[in-house]
Amino acid sequence: MSKKNVGSGIDDFLKGEGVFEEAQAQAVKEVVAWQLAQAMKKNKISKNKMAVLLKTSRSQVDRLLDAKNDITLSSLQRAAAIAGRRVSIELV
């Protein structure tokens, strides 16, 4: 390995490619979708039951759990509350 690559990481690579912010946003969406799915599983809430409780469609619940989609904060907060969780956002 050359000295040029020593100490550089994935963040440096993504920044160099100009896609760091996009990759970071996608990673956050994937983690949040996974956390919501886990909370639903823990509380035995099916997608159909979540749809009924949210007063929406099953396809909307699928969109909530798909990290490829952008969802509103209010939708996420409502779904999290039903699953026994809350949303916490922090700027760092």
PDB file of N, CA and C in Angstrom:
ATOM      1  N   MET A   1       0.852  -1.174   0.000  1.00  0.00           N
ATOM      2  CA  MET A   1       0.000   0.000   0.000  1.00  0.00           C
ATOM      3  C   MET A   1       0.898   1.238   0.000  1.00  0.00           C
ATOM      4  N   SER A   2       0.569   2.198  -0.814  1.00  0.00           N
ATOM      5  CA  SER A   2       1.371   3.420  -0.869  1.00  0.00           C
ATOM      6  C   SER A   2       1.025   4.334   0.297  1.00  0.00           C
ATOM      7  N   LYS A   3       1.958   5.217   0.628  1.00  0.00           N
ATOM      8  CA  LYS A   3       1.736   6.147   1.740  1.00  0.00           C
ATOM      9  C   LYS A   3       0.569   7.093   1.442  1.00  0.00           C
ATOM     10  N   LYS A   4       0.283   7.303   0.178  1.00  0.00           N
ATOM     11  CA  LYS A   4      -0.815   8.180  -0.213  1.00  0.00           C
ATOM     12  C   LYS A   4      -2.148   7.689   0.359  1.00  0.00           C
ATOM     13  N   ASN A   5      -2.316   6.381   0.452  1.00  0.00           N
ATOM     14  CA  ASN A   5      -3.579   5.819   0.919  1.00  0.00           C
ATOM     15  C   ASN A   5      -3.635   5.600   2.424  1.00  0.00           C
ATOM     16  N   VAL A   6      -2.529   5.718   3.111  1.00  0.00           N
ATOM     17  CA  VAL A   6      -2.510   5.488   4.550  1.00  0.00           C
ATOM     18  C   VAL A   6      -3.284   6.594   5.250  1.00  0.00           C
ATOM     19  N   GLY A   7      -4.217   6.191   6.086  1.00  0.00           N
ATOM     20  CA  GLY A   7      -4.973   7.161   6.872  1.00  0.00           C
ATOM     21  C   GLY A   7      -6.239   7.665   6.201  1.00  0.00           C
ATOM     22  N   SER A   8      -6.376   7.411   4.909  1.00  0.00           N
ATOM     23  CA  SER A   8      -7.610   7.858   4.268  1.00  0.00           C
ATOM     24  C   SER A   8      -8.684   6.809   4.515  1.00  0.00           C
ATOM     25  N   GLY A   9      -9.910   7.265   4.584  1.00  0.00           N
ATOM     26  CA  GLY A   9     -11.017   6.363   4.869  1.00  0.00           C
ATOM     27  C   GLY A   9     -12.125   6.535   3.857  1.00  0.00           C
ATOM     28  N   ILE A  10     -13.223   5.868   4.129  1.00  0.00           N
ATOM     29  CA  ILE A  10     -14.362   5.912   3.220  1.00  0.00           C
ATOM     30  C   ILE A  10     -14.930   7.328   3.105  1.00  0.00           C
ATOM     31  N   ASP A  11     -14.943   8.070   4.220  1.00  0.00           N
ATOM     32  CA  ASP A  11     -15.444   9.453   4.165  1.00  0.00           C
ATOM     33  C   ASP A  11     -14.612  10.293   3.206  1.00  0.00           C
ATOM     34  N   ASP A  12     -13.287  10.145   3.290  1.00  0.00           N
ATOM     35  CA  ASP A  12     -12.404  10.899   2.390  1.00  0.00           C
ATOM     36  C   ASP A  12     -12.646  10.511   0.938  1.00  0.00           C
ATOM     37  N   PHE A  13     -12.833   9.233   0.712  1.00  0.00           N
ATOM     38  CA  PHE A  13     -13.100   8.759  -0.646  1.00  0.00           C
ATOM     39  C   PHE A  13     -14.402   9.355  -1.177  1.00  0.00           C
ATOM     40  N   LEU A  14     -15.467   9.274  -0.376  1.00  0.00           N
ATOM     41  CA  LEU A  14     -16.768   9.797  -0.805  1.00  0.00           C
ATOM     42  C   LEU A  14     -16.717  11.307  -1.031  1.00  0.00           C
ATOM     43  N   LYS A  15     -15.992  12.008  -0.183  1.00  0.00           N
ATOM     44  CA  LYS A  15     -15.836  13.458  -0.375  1.00  0.00           C
ATOM     45  C   LYS A  15     -15.100  13.740  -1.676  1.00  0.00           C
ATOM     46  N   GLY A  16     -14.069  12.953  -1.937  1.00  0.00           N
ATOM     47  CA  GLY A  16     -13.309  13.106  -3.177  1.00  0.00           C
ATOM     48  C   GLY A  16     -14.151  12.850  -4.409  1.00  0.00           C
ATOM     49  N   GLU A  17     -15.102  11.959  -4.290  1.00  0.00           N
ATOM     50  CA  GLU A  17     -16.007  11.650  -5.400  1.00  0.00           C
ATOM     51  C   GLU A  17     -17.177  12.629  -5.473  1.00  0.00           C
ATOM     52  N   GLY A  18     -17.319  13.466  -4.445  1.00  0.00           N
ATOM     53  CA  GLY A  18     -18.394  14.456  -4.422  1.00  0.00           C
ATOM     54  C   GLY A  18     -19.754  13.889  -4.057  1.00  0.00           C
ATOM     55  N   VAL A  19     -19.785  12.747  -3.361  1.00  0.00           N
ATOM     56  CA  VAL A  19     -21.057  12.120  -3.017  1.00  0.00           C
ATOM     57  C   VAL A  19     -21.199  11.863  -1.512  1.00  0.00           C
ATOM     58  N   PHE A  20     -20.381  12.506  -0.709  1.00  0.00           N
ATOM     59  CA  PHE A  20     -20.406  12.247   0.727  1.00  0.00           C
ATOM     60  C   PHE A  20     -21.766  12.554   1.346  1.00  0.00           C
ATOM     61  N   GLU A  21     -22.313  13.736   1.086  1.00  0.00           N
ATOM     62  CA  GLU A  21     -23.583  14.134   1.690  1.00  0.00           C
ATOM     63  C   GLU A  21     -24.716  13.214   1.255  1.00  0.00           C
ATOM     64  N   GLU A  22     -24.722  12.852  -0.010  1.00  0.00           N
ATOM     65  CA  GLU A  22     -25.766  11.959  -0.525  1.00  0.00           C
ATOM     66  C   GLU A  22     -25.662  10.578   0.128  1.00  0.00           C
ATOM     67  N   ALA A  23     -24.460  10.063   0.258  1.00  0.00           N
ATOM     68  CA  ALA A  23     -24.259   8.752   0.882  1.00  0.00           C
ATOM     69  C   ALA A  23     -24.634   8.795   2.361  1.00  0.00           C
ATOM     70  N   GLN A  24     -24.286   9.882   3.020  1.00  0.00           N
ATOM     71  CA  GLN A  24     -24.612  10.024   4.438  1.00  0.00           C
ATOM     72  C   GLN A  24     -26.125  10.091   4.639  1.00  0.00           C
ATOM     73  N   ALA A  25     -26.819  10.832   3.797  1.00  0.00           N
ATOM     74  CA  ALA A  25     -28.274  10.937   3.897  1.00  0.00           C
ATOM     75  C   ALA A  25     -28.925   9.575   3.662  1.00  0.00           C
ATOM     76  N   GLN A  26     -28.425   8.825   2.691  1.00  0.00           N
ATOM     77  CA  GLN A  26     -28.977   7.496   2.416  1.00  0.00           C
ATOM     78  C   GLN A  26     -28.743   6.559   3.598  1.00  0.00           C
ATOM     79  N   ALA A  27     -27.579   6.638   4.203  1.00  0.00           N
ATOM     80  CA  ALA A  27     -27.272   5.788   5.360  1.00  0.00           C
ATOM     81  C   ALA A  27     -28.203   6.102   6.522  1.00  0.00           C
ATOM     82  N   VAL A  28     -28.478   7.368   6.762  1.00  0.00           N
ATOM     83  CA  VAL A  28     -29.385   7.757   7.839  1.00  0.00           C
ATOM     84  C   VAL A  28     -30.783   7.209   7.566  1.00  0.00           C
ATOM     85  N   LYS A  29     -31.256   7.342   6.313  1.00  0.00           N
ATOM     86  CA  LYS A  29     -32.589   6.832   5.972  1.00  0.00           C
ATOM     87  C   LYS A  29     -32.668   5.316   6.161  1.00  0.00           C
ATOM     88  N   GLU A  30     -31.602   4.613   5.813  1.00  0.00           N
ATOM     89  CA  GLU A  30     -31.595   3.154   5.980  1.00  0.00           C
ATOM     90  C   GLU A  30     -31.642   2.761   7.454  1.00  0.00           C
ATOM     91  N   VAL A  31     -30.904   3.472   8.281  1.00  0.00           N
ATOM     92  CA  VAL A  31     -30.904   3.164   9.715  1.00  0.00           C
ATOM     93  C   VAL A  31     -32.277   3.450  10.318  1.00  0.00           C
ATOM     94  N   VAL A  32     -32.868   4.573   9.976  1.00  0.00           N
ATOM     95  CA  VAL A  32     -34.183   4.929  10.526  1.00  0.00           C
ATOM     96  C   VAL A  32     -35.240   3.920  10.080  1.00  0.00           C
ATOM     97  N   ALA A  33     -35.225   3.529   8.806  1.00  0.00           N
ATOM     98  CA  ALA A  33     -36.189   2.537   8.320  1.00  0.00           C
ATOM     99  C   ALA A  33     -35.998   1.205   9.049  1.00  0.00           C
ATOM    100  N   TRP A  34     -34.750   0.799   9.251  1.00  0.00           N
ATOM    101  CA  TRP A  34     -34.465  -0.436   9.976  1.00  0.00           C
ATOM    102  C   TRP A  34     -34.938  -0.349  11.422  1.00  0.00           C
ATOM    103  N   GLN A  35     -34.680   0.788  12.083  1.00  0.00           N
ATOM    104  CA  GLN A  35     -35.110   0.953  13.467  1.00  0.00           C
ATOM    105  C   GLN A  35     -36.632   0.894  13.591  1.00  0.00           C
ATOM    106  N   LEU A  36     -37.342   1.512  12.658  1.00  0.00           N
ATOM    107  CA  LEU A  36     -38.804   1.468  12.682  1.00  0.00           C
ATOM    108  C   LEU A  36     -39.293   0.038  12.476  1.00  0.00           C
ATOM    109  N   ALA A  37     -38.697  -0.666  11.531  1.00  0.00           N
ATOM    110  CA  ALA A  37     -39.087  -2.061  11.283  1.00  0.00           C
ATOM    111  C   ALA A  37     -38.832  -2.924  12.517  1.00  0.00           C
ATOM    112  N   GLN A  38     -37.716  -2.707  13.191  1.00  0.00           N
ATOM    113  CA  GLN A  38     -37.398  -3.472  14.396  1.00  0.00           C
ATOM    114  C   GLN A  38     -38.385  -3.163  15.525  1.00  0.00           C
ATOM    115  N   ALA A  39     -38.748  -1.895  15.673  1.00  0.00           N
ATOM    116  CA  ALA A  39     -39.718  -1.511  16.704  1.00  0.00           C
ATOM    117  C   ALA A  39     -41.083  -2.130  16.406  1.00  0.00           C
ATOM    118  N   MET A  40     -41.456  -2.158  15.150  1.00  0.00           N
ATOM    119  CA  MET A  40     -42.726  -2.791  14.774  1.00  0.00           C
ATOM    120  C   MET A  40     -42.679  -4.284  15.090  1.00  0.00           C
ATOM    121  N   LYS A  41     -41.582  -4.919  14.760  1.00  0.00           N
ATOM    122  CA  LYS A  41     -41.432  -6.352  15.029  1.00  0.00           C
ATOM    123  C   LYS A  41     -41.496  -6.630  16.527  1.00  0.00           C
ATOM    124  N   LYS A  42     -40.778  -5.838  17.311  1.00  0.00           N
ATOM    125  CA  LYS A  42     -40.749  -6.016  18.761  1.00  0.00           C
ATOM    126  C   LYS A  42     -42.147  -5.893  19.362  1.00  0.00           C
ATOM    127  N   ASN A  43     -42.919  -4.953  18.848  1.00  0.00           N
ATOM    128  CA  ASN A  43     -44.268  -4.698  19.368  1.00  0.00           C
ATOM    129  C   ASN A  43     -45.348  -5.462  18.622  1.00  0.00           C
ATOM    130  N   LYS A  44     -44.915  -6.386  17.751  1.00  0.00           N
ATOM    131  CA  LYS A  44     -45.841  -7.237  16.997  1.00  0.00           C
ATOM    132  C   LYS A  44     -46.873  -6.411  16.214  1.00  0.00           C
ATOM    133  N   ILE A  45     -46.370  -5.401  15.519  1.00  0.00           N
ATOM    134  CA  ILE A  45     -47.228  -4.559  14.693  1.00  0.00           C
ATOM    135  C   ILE A  45     -46.934  -4.890  13.231  1.00  0.00           C
ATOM    136  N   SER A  46     -47.900  -5.472  12.564  1.00  0.00           N
ATOM    137  CA  SER A  46     -47.733  -5.792  11.148  1.00  0.00           C
ATOM    138  C   SER A  46     -47.864  -4.519  10.314  1.00  0.00           C
ATOM    139  N   LYS A  47     -47.491  -4.630   9.056  1.00  0.00           N
ATOM    140  CA  LYS A  47     -47.649  -3.493   8.150  1.00  0.00           C
ATOM    141  C   LYS A  47     -49.127  -3.135   8.006  1.00  0.00           C
ATOM    142  N   ASN A  48     -49.963  -4.154   7.937  1.00  0.00           N
ATOM    143  CA  ASN A  48     -51.404  -3.890   7.818  1.00  0.00           C
ATOM    144  C   ASN A  48     -51.933  -3.172   9.054  1.00  0.00           C
ATOM    145  N   LYS A  49     -51.526  -3.630  10.242  1.00  0.00           N
ATOM    146  CA  LYS A  49     -51.982  -2.997  11.477  1.00  0.00           C
ATOM    147  C   LYS A  49     -51.452  -1.562  11.558  1.00  0.00           C
ATOM    148  N   MET A  50     -50.200  -1.356  11.168  1.00  0.00           N
ATOM    149  CA  MET A  50     -49.617  -0.003  11.174  1.00  0.00           C
ATOM    150  C   MET A  50     -50.419   0.905  10.240  1.00  0.00           C
ATOM    151  N   ALA A  51     -50.800   0.392   9.084  1.00  0.00           N
ATOM    152  CA  ALA A  51     -51.581   1.189   8.140  1.00  0.00           C
ATOM    153  C   ALA A  51     -52.910   1.608   8.753  1.00  0.00           C
ATOM    154  N   VAL A  52     -53.564   0.680   9.434  1.00  0.00           N
ATOM    155  CA  VAL A  52     -54.846   0.998  10.081  1.00  0.00           C
ATOM    156  C   VAL A  52     -54.634   2.054  11.166  1.00  0.00           C
ATOM    157  N   LEU A  53     -53.611   1.873  11.990  1.00  0.00           N
ATOM    158  CA  LEU A  53     -53.360   2.810  13.089  1.00  0.00           C
ATOM    159  C   LEU A  53     -52.955   4.198  12.589  1.00  0.00           C
ATOM    160  N   LEU A  54     -52.252   4.236  11.450  1.00  0.00           N
ATOM    161  CA  LEU A  54     -51.863   5.518  10.859  1.00  0.00           C
ATOM    162  C   LEU A  54     -52.978   6.120  10.008  1.00  0.00           C
ATOM    163  N   LYS A  55     -54.055   5.340   9.815  1.00  0.00           N
ATOM    164  CA  LYS A  55     -55.167   5.756   8.952  1.00  0.00           C
ATOM    165  C   LYS A  55     -54.657   6.060   7.542  1.00  0.00           C
ATOM    166  N   THR A  56     -53.893   5.100   7.029  1.00  0.00           N
ATOM    167  CA  THR A  56     -53.317   5.229   5.693  1.00  0.00           C
ATOM    168  C   THR A  56     -53.331   3.869   5.023  1.00  0.00           C
ATOM    169  N   SER A  57     -52.661   3.753   3.909  1.00  0.00           N
ATOM    170  CA  SER A  57     -52.643   2.499   3.164  1.00  0.00           C
ATOM    171  C   SER A  57     -51.401   1.672   3.483  1.00  0.00           C
ATOM    172  N   ARG A  58     -51.480   0.413   3.160  1.00  0.00           N
ATOM    173  CA  ARG A  58     -50.340  -0.487   3.339  1.00  0.00           C
ATOM    174  C   ARG A  58     -49.169  -0.020   2.467  1.00  0.00           C
ATOM    175  N   SER A  59     -49.454   0.502   1.288  1.00  0.00           N
ATOM    176  CA  SER A  59     -48.378   0.972   0.410  1.00  0.00           C
ATOM    177  C   SER A  59     -47.655   2.170   1.022  1.00  0.00           C
ATOM    178  N   GLN A  60     -48.371   3.011   1.776  1.00  0.00           N
ATOM    179  CA  GLN A  60     -47.720   4.127   2.461  1.00  0.00           C
ATOM    180  C   GLN A  60     -46.774   3.609   3.545  1.00  0.00           C
ATOM    181  N   VAL A  61     -47.176   2.558   4.243  1.00  0.00           N
ATOM    182  CA  VAL A  61     -46.302   1.951   5.258  1.00  0.00           C
ATOM    183  C   VAL A  61     -45.074   1.362   4.588  1.00  0.00           C
ATOM    184  N   ASP A  62     -45.256   0.739   3.433  1.00  0.00           N
ATOM    185  CA  ASP A  62     -44.106   0.221   2.677  1.00  0.00           C
ATOM    186  C   ASP A  62     -43.140   1.349   2.329  1.00  0.00           C
ATOM    187  N   ARG A  63     -43.682   2.502   1.960  1.00  0.00           N
ATOM    188  CA  ARG A  63     -42.824   3.655   1.642  1.00  0.00           C
ATOM    189  C   ARG A  63     -42.078   4.143   2.884  1.00  0.00           C
ATOM    190  N   LEU A  64     -42.733   4.108   4.040  1.00  0.00           N
ATOM    191  CA  LEU A  64     -42.067   4.499   5.291  1.00  0.00           C
ATOM    192  C   LEU A  64     -40.864   3.598   5.593  1.00  0.00           C
ATOM    193  N   LEU A  65     -40.999   2.332   5.245  1.00  0.00           N
ATOM    194  CA  LEU A  65     -39.966   1.350   5.565  1.00  0.00           C
ATOM    195  C   LEU A  65     -38.943   1.168   4.448  1.00  0.00           C
ATOM    196  N   ASP A  66     -39.100   1.907   3.353  1.00  0.00           N
ATOM    197  CA  ASP A  66     -38.176   1.820   2.226  1.00  0.00           C
ATOM    198  C   ASP A  66     -37.266   3.043   2.238  1.00  0.00           C
ATOM    199  N   ALA A  67     -35.995   2.811   2.490  1.00  0.00           N
ATOM    200  CA  ALA A  67     -35.035   3.916   2.620  1.00  0.00           C
ATOM    201  C   ALA A  67     -34.813   4.677   1.316  1.00  0.00           C
ATOM    202  N   LYS A  68     -35.325   4.160   0.209  1.00  0.00           N
ATOM    203  CA  LYS A  68     -35.181   4.867  -1.065  1.00  0.00           C
ATOM    204  C   LYS A  68     -36.128   6.054  -1.154  1.00  0.00           C
ATOM    205  N   ASN A  69     -37.126   6.074  -0.288  1.00  0.00           N
ATOM    206  CA  ASN A  69     -38.130   7.139  -0.313  1.00  0.00           C
ATOM    207  C   ASN A  69     -37.816   8.228   0.703  1.00  0.00           C
ATOM    208  N   ASP A  70     -38.203   9.431   0.366  1.00  0.00           N
ATOM    209  CA  ASP A  70     -38.156  10.527   1.325  1.00  0.00           C
ATOM    210  C   ASP A  70     -39.502  10.567   2.029  1.00  0.00           C
ATOM    211  N   ILE A  71     -39.477  10.659   3.345  1.00  0.00           N
ATOM    212  CA  ILE A  71     -40.723  10.723   4.104  1.00  0.00           C
ATOM    213  C   ILE A  71     -40.721  11.998   4.931  1.00  0.00           C
ATOM    214  N   THR A  72     -41.903  12.437   5.300  1.00  0.00           N
ATOM    215  CA  THR A  72     -41.991  13.649   6.108  1.00  0.00           C
ATOM    216  C   THR A  72     -41.685  13.321   7.561  1.00  0.00           C
ATOM    217  N   LEU A  73     -41.213  14.306   8.261  1.00  0.00           N
ATOM    218  CA  LEU A  73     -40.916  14.146   9.675  1.00  0.00           C
ATOM    219  C   LEU A  73     -42.181  13.810  10.454  1.00  0.00           C
ATOM    220  N   SER A  74     -43.286  14.431  10.103  1.00  0.00           N
ATOM    221  CA  SER A  74     -44.533  14.156  10.823  1.00  0.00           C
ATOM    222  C   SER A  74     -44.981  12.706  10.626  1.00  0.00           C
ATOM    223  N   SER A  75     -44.816  12.157   9.420  1.00  0.00           N
ATOM    224  CA  SER A  75     -45.164  10.749   9.183  1.00  0.00           C
ATOM    225  C   SER A  75     -44.278   9.839  10.013  1.00  0.00           C
ATOM    226  N   LEU A  76     -43.008  10.143  10.048  1.00  0.00           N
ATOM    227  CA  LEU A  76     -42.072   9.342  10.828  1.00  0.00           C
ATOM    228  C   LEU A  76     -42.394   9.420  12.315  1.00  0.00           C
ATOM    229  N   GLN A  77     -42.720  10.599  12.805  1.00  0.00           N
ATOM    230  CA  GLN A  77     -43.063  10.765  14.222  1.00  0.00           C
ATOM    231  C   GLN A  77     -44.315   9.971  14.587  1.00  0.00           C
ATOM    232  N   ARG A  78     -45.335  10.016  13.733  1.00  0.00           N
ATOM    233  CA  ARG A  78     -46.569   9.270  14.009  1.00  0.00           C
ATOM    234  C   ARG A  78     -46.310   7.771  14.027  1.00  0.00           C
ATOM    235  N   ALA A  79     -45.558   7.274  13.045  1.00  0.00           N
ATOM    236  CA  ALA A  79     -45.258   5.844  12.982  1.00  0.00           C
ATOM    237  C   ALA A  79     -44.397   5.420  14.167  1.00  0.00           C
ATOM    238  N   ALA A  80     -43.433   6.228  14.535  1.00  0.00           N
ATOM    239  CA  ALA A  80     -42.568   5.912  15.671  1.00  0.00           C
ATOM    240  C   ALA A  80     -43.376   5.834  16.958  1.00  0.00           C
ATOM    241  N   ALA A  81     -44.297   6.755  17.155  1.00  0.00           N
ATOM    242  CA  ALA A  81     -45.123   6.759  18.364  1.00  0.00           C
ATOM    243  C   ALA A  81     -45.968   5.496  18.449  1.00  0.00           C
ATOM    244  N   ILE A  82     -46.529   5.084  17.334  1.00  0.00           N
ATOM    245  CA  ILE A  82     -47.333   3.860  17.315  1.00  0.00           C
ATOM    246  C   ILE A  82     -46.474   2.649  17.662  1.00  0.00           C
ATOM    247  N   ALA A  83     -45.212   2.667  17.216  1.00  0.00           N
ATOM    248  CA  ALA A  83     -44.295   1.554  17.476  1.00  0.00           C
ATOM    249  C   ALA A  83     -43.617   1.669  18.839  1.00  0.00           C
ATOM    250  N   GLY A  84     -44.046   2.659  19.636  1.00  0.00           N
ATOM    251  CA  GLY A  84     -43.487   2.808  20.979  1.00  0.00           C
ATOM    252  C   GLY A  84     -42.139   3.497  21.021  1.00  0.00           C
ATOM    253  N   ARG A  85     -41.819   4.246  19.995  1.00  0.00           N
ATOM    254  CA  ARG A  85     -40.542   4.964  19.924  1.00  0.00           C
ATOM    255  C   ARG A  85     -40.811   6.443  19.708  1.00  0.00           C
ATOM    256  N   ARG A  86     -39.763   7.236  19.714  1.00  0.00           N
ATOM    257  CA  ARG A  86     -39.882   8.666  19.387  1.00  0.00           C
ATOM    258  C   ARG A  86     -38.732   9.048  18.481  1.00  0.00           C
ATOM    259  N   VAL A  87     -38.912  10.128  17.777  1.00  0.00           N
ATOM    260  CA  VAL A  87     -37.884  10.615  16.854  1.00  0.00           C
ATOM    261  C   VAL A  87     -37.074  11.684  17.566  1.00  0.00           C
ATOM    262  N   SER A  88     -35.777  11.595  17.442  1.00  0.00           N
ATOM    263  CA  SER A  88     -34.883  12.591  18.011  1.00  0.00           C
ATOM    264  C   SER A  88     -33.903  13.002  16.916  1.00  0.00           C
ATOM    265  N   ILE A  89     -33.863  14.292  16.616  1.00  0.00           N
ATOM    266  CA  ILE A  89     -32.981  14.805  15.582  1.00  0.00           C
ATOM    267  C   ILE A  89     -32.002  15.781  16.224  1.00  0.00           C
ATOM    268  N   GLU A  90     -30.762  15.657  15.808  1.00  0.00           N
ATOM    269  CA  GLU A  90     -29.720  16.517  16.367  1.00  0.00           C
ATOM    270  C   GLU A  90     -28.799  16.994  15.262  1.00  0.00           C
ATOM    271  N   LEU A  91     -28.495  18.257  15.252  1.00  0.00           N
ATOM    272  CA  LEU A  91     -27.506  18.789  14.329  1.00  0.00           C
ATOM    273  C   LEU A  91     -26.143  18.745  15.019  1.00  0.00           C
ATOM    274  N   VAL A  92     -25.170  18.168  14.344  1.00  0.00           N
ATOM    275  CA  VAL A  92     -23.824  18.082  14.933  1.00  0.00           C
ATOM    276  C   VAL A  92     -22.799  18.683  14.022  1.00  0.00           C
TER     277      VAL A  92
END
